[in-house]
C-alpha atoms as a PDB file:
ATOM      1  CA  MET A   1    -317.194 -45.713 -70.467  1.00  0.00           C
ATOM      2  CA  TRP A   2    -314.109 -46.832 -68.783  1.00  0.00           C
ATOM      3  CA  PHE A   3    -316.027 -48.567 -66.038  1.00  0.00           C
ATOM      4  CA  ILE A   4    -317.956 -50.667 -68.730  1.00  0.00           C
ATOM      5  CA  LEU A   5    -314.305 -51.856 -70.217  1.00  0.00           C
ATOM      6  CA  ALA A   6    -312.649 -52.366 -67.286  1.00  0.00           C
ATOM      7  CA  LEU A   7    -315.499 -54.498 -65.763  1.00  0.00           C
ATOM      8  CA  VAL A   8    -315.135 -56.585 -69.049  1.00  0.00           C
ATOM      9  CA  LEU A   9    -311.995 -56.996 -68.885  1.00  0.00           C
ATOM     10  CA  ALA A  10    -311.864 -57.977 -65.329  1.00  0.00           C
ATOM     11  CA  ALA A  11    -314.834 -60.616 -66.029  1.00  0.00           C
ATOM     12  CA  LEU A  12    -312.799 -61.750 -68.949  1.00  0.00           C
ATOM     13  CA  ALA A  13    -309.924 -62.085 -66.704  1.00  0.00           C
ATOM     14  CA  VAL A  14    -311.948 -64.367 -64.163  1.00  0.00           C
ATOM     15  CA  GLY A  15    -313.225 -66.399 -67.054  1.00  0.00           C
ATOM     16  CA  VAL A  16    -309.756 -67.404 -68.533  1.00  0.00           C
ATOM     17  CA  ALA A  17    -308.198 -68.042 -64.816  1.00  0.00           C
ATOM     18  CA  SER A  18    -311.582 -70.532 -63.740  1.00  0.00           C
ATOM     19  CA  LEU A  19    -310.829 -72.693 -67.828  1.00  0.00           C
ATOM     20  CA  ALA A  20    -307.242 -72.913 -66.966  1.00  0.00           C
ATOM     21  CA  ARG A  21    -308.154 -74.081 -63.629  1.00  0.00           C
ATOM     22  CA  THR A  22    -310.275 -76.354 -64.806  1.00  0.00           C
ATOM     23  CA  ARG A  23    -308.187 -77.794 -67.697  1.00  0.00           C
ATOM     24  CA  THR A  24    -305.522 -78.517 -65.269  1.00  0.00           C
ATOM     25  CA  SER A  25    -307.453 -80.276 -62.761  1.00  0.00           C
ATOM     26  CA  THR A  26    -305.845 -83.369 -61.171  1.00  0.00           C
ATOM     27  CA  LYS A  27    -307.686 -85.810 -59.421  1.00  0.00           C
ATOM     28  CA  ARG A  28    -307.062 -88.899 -57.260  1.00  0.00           C
ATOM     29  CA  ALA A  29    -308.766 -91.818 -58.275  1.00  0.00           C
ATOM     30  CA  ARG A  30    -310.624 -93.236 -55.977  1.00  0.00           C
ATOM     31  CA  ARG A  31    -310.292 -97.299 -54.256  1.00  0.00           C
ATOM     32  CA  LEU A  32    -313.187 -99.613 -54.843  1.00  0.00           C
ATOM     33  CA  ASP A  33    -314.203-102.413 -52.335  1.00  0.00           C
ATOM     34  CA  ASP A  34    -312.537-104.948 -54.805  1.00  0.00           C
ATOM     35  CA  GLY A  35    -309.293-103.455 -54.155  1.00  0.00           C
ATOM     36  CA  THR A  36    -309.577-101.833 -57.891  1.00  0.00           C
ATOM     37  CA  GLN A  37    -309.156 -98.049 -58.043  1.00  0.00           C
ATOM     38  CA  GLU A  38    -311.531 -96.268 -60.680  1.00  0.00           C
ATOM     39  CA  ALA A  39    -311.728 -93.044 -62.096  1.00  0.00           C
ATOM     40  CA  ARG A  40    -314.450 -90.586 -64.221  1.00  0.00           C
ATOM     41  CA  VAL A  41    -313.296 -88.169 -66.579  1.00  0.00           C
ATOM     42  CA  VAL A  42    -315.952 -86.035 -68.417  1.00  0.00           C
ATOM     43  CA  VAL A  43    -315.275 -85.205 -72.347  1.00  0.00           C
ATOM     44  CA  ASP A  44    -316.399 -82.076 -73.346  1.00  0.00           C
ATOM     45  CA  ARG A  45    -314.165 -79.768 -75.664  1.00  0.00           C
ATOM     46  CA  GLY A  46    -311.391 -81.420 -73.373  1.00  0.00           C
ATOM     47  CA  TYR A  47    -311.226 -83.643 -70.625  1.00  0.00           C
ATOM     48  CA  VAL A  48    -312.049 -83.079 -67.118  1.00  0.00           C
ATOM     49  CA  PRO A  49    -310.145 -83.953 -64.488  1.00  0.00           C
ATOM     50  CA  SER A  50    -306.987 -83.502 -67.316  1.00  0.00           C
ATOM     51  CA  ARG A  51    -304.887 -85.597 -64.932  1.00  0.00           C
ATOM     52  CA  ILE A  52    -305.495 -88.892 -62.894  1.00  0.00           C
ATOM     53  CA  ASP A  53    -303.347 -89.689 -60.373  1.00  0.00           C
ATOM     54  CA  LEU A  54    -302.981 -93.606 -60.049  1.00  0.00           C
ATOM     55  CA  GLU A  55    -301.193 -95.648 -57.154  1.00  0.00           C
ATOM     56  CA  ALA A  56    -299.094 -98.467 -59.225  1.00  0.00           C
ATOM     57  CA  GLY A  57    -299.334-101.837 -59.170  1.00  0.00           C
ATOM     58  CA  VAL A  58    -303.050-101.539 -58.795  1.00  0.00           C
ATOM     59  CA  PRO A  59    -305.763-102.515 -61.487  1.00  0.00           C
ATOM     60  CA  ALA A  60    -307.434 -99.450 -62.772  1.00  0.00           C
ATOM     61  CA  THR A  61    -310.544 -98.610 -64.303  1.00  0.00           C
ATOM     62  CA  LEU A  62    -311.193 -95.079 -66.198  1.00  0.00           C
ATOM     63  CA  ARG A  63    -314.802 -94.100 -67.219  1.00  0.00           C
ATOM     64  CA  PHE A  64    -315.269 -91.557 -69.955  1.00  0.00           C
ATOM     65  CA  GLU A  65    -318.692 -89.539 -69.884  1.00  0.00           C
ATOM     66  CA  ARG A  66    -319.130 -88.025 -72.892  1.00  0.00           C
ATOM     67  CA  ARG A  67    -321.335 -84.611 -72.789  1.00  0.00           C
ATOM     68  CA  SER A  68    -320.639 -82.826 -76.450  1.00  0.00           C
ATOM     69  CA  THR A  69    -321.991 -84.177 -79.675  1.00  0.00           C
ATOM     70  CA  SER A  70    -320.348 -81.769 -81.649  1.00  0.00           C
ATOM     71  CA  ALA A  71    -317.067 -83.179 -82.087  1.00  0.00           C
ATOM     72  CA  VAL A  72    -315.918 -87.024 -83.252  1.00  0.00           C
ATOM     73  CA  CYS A  73    -314.883 -89.113 -80.596  1.00  0.00           C
ATOM     74  CA  VAL A  74    -312.244 -91.760 -81.290  1.00  0.00           C
ATOM     75  CA  ALA A  75    -310.560 -94.239 -79.630  1.00  0.00           C
ATOM     76  CA  ARG A  76    -307.372 -95.875 -79.672  1.00  0.00           C
ATOM     77  CA  GLY A  77    -306.294 -98.539 -77.927  1.00  0.00           C
ATOM     78  CA  PRO A  78    -302.544-101.030 -77.598  1.00  0.00           C
ATOM     79  CA  ARG A  79    -302.233-102.570 -81.029  1.00  0.00           C
ATOM     80  CA  ARG A  80    -301.883-106.159 -81.240  1.00  0.00           C
END
C-alpha cells in the first residue's frame, strides 16, 4: 500500500516539475536571411515557449500555432 502511494506521489512530482519547466520556457528568436527575426509559439492551454528573447531594433515576426480547439482564441492588436 505504501509503495503504491509513494509511486503515485513520485509520478505526480515528476509531472508537476515537467509542467512547470514547460510553462516557463524561454526561446531565442532565430535570425532569417533577410535580417529579420522569427519565433514560433504553440498555443495549447497556454503558450510554449512562454517567453521569447528578441533582439532590440530588429523587425520580428511571431507565428502562433494553435493546437487546442476547446477554447476561444482572442487576438488583440494595437488600437488605432
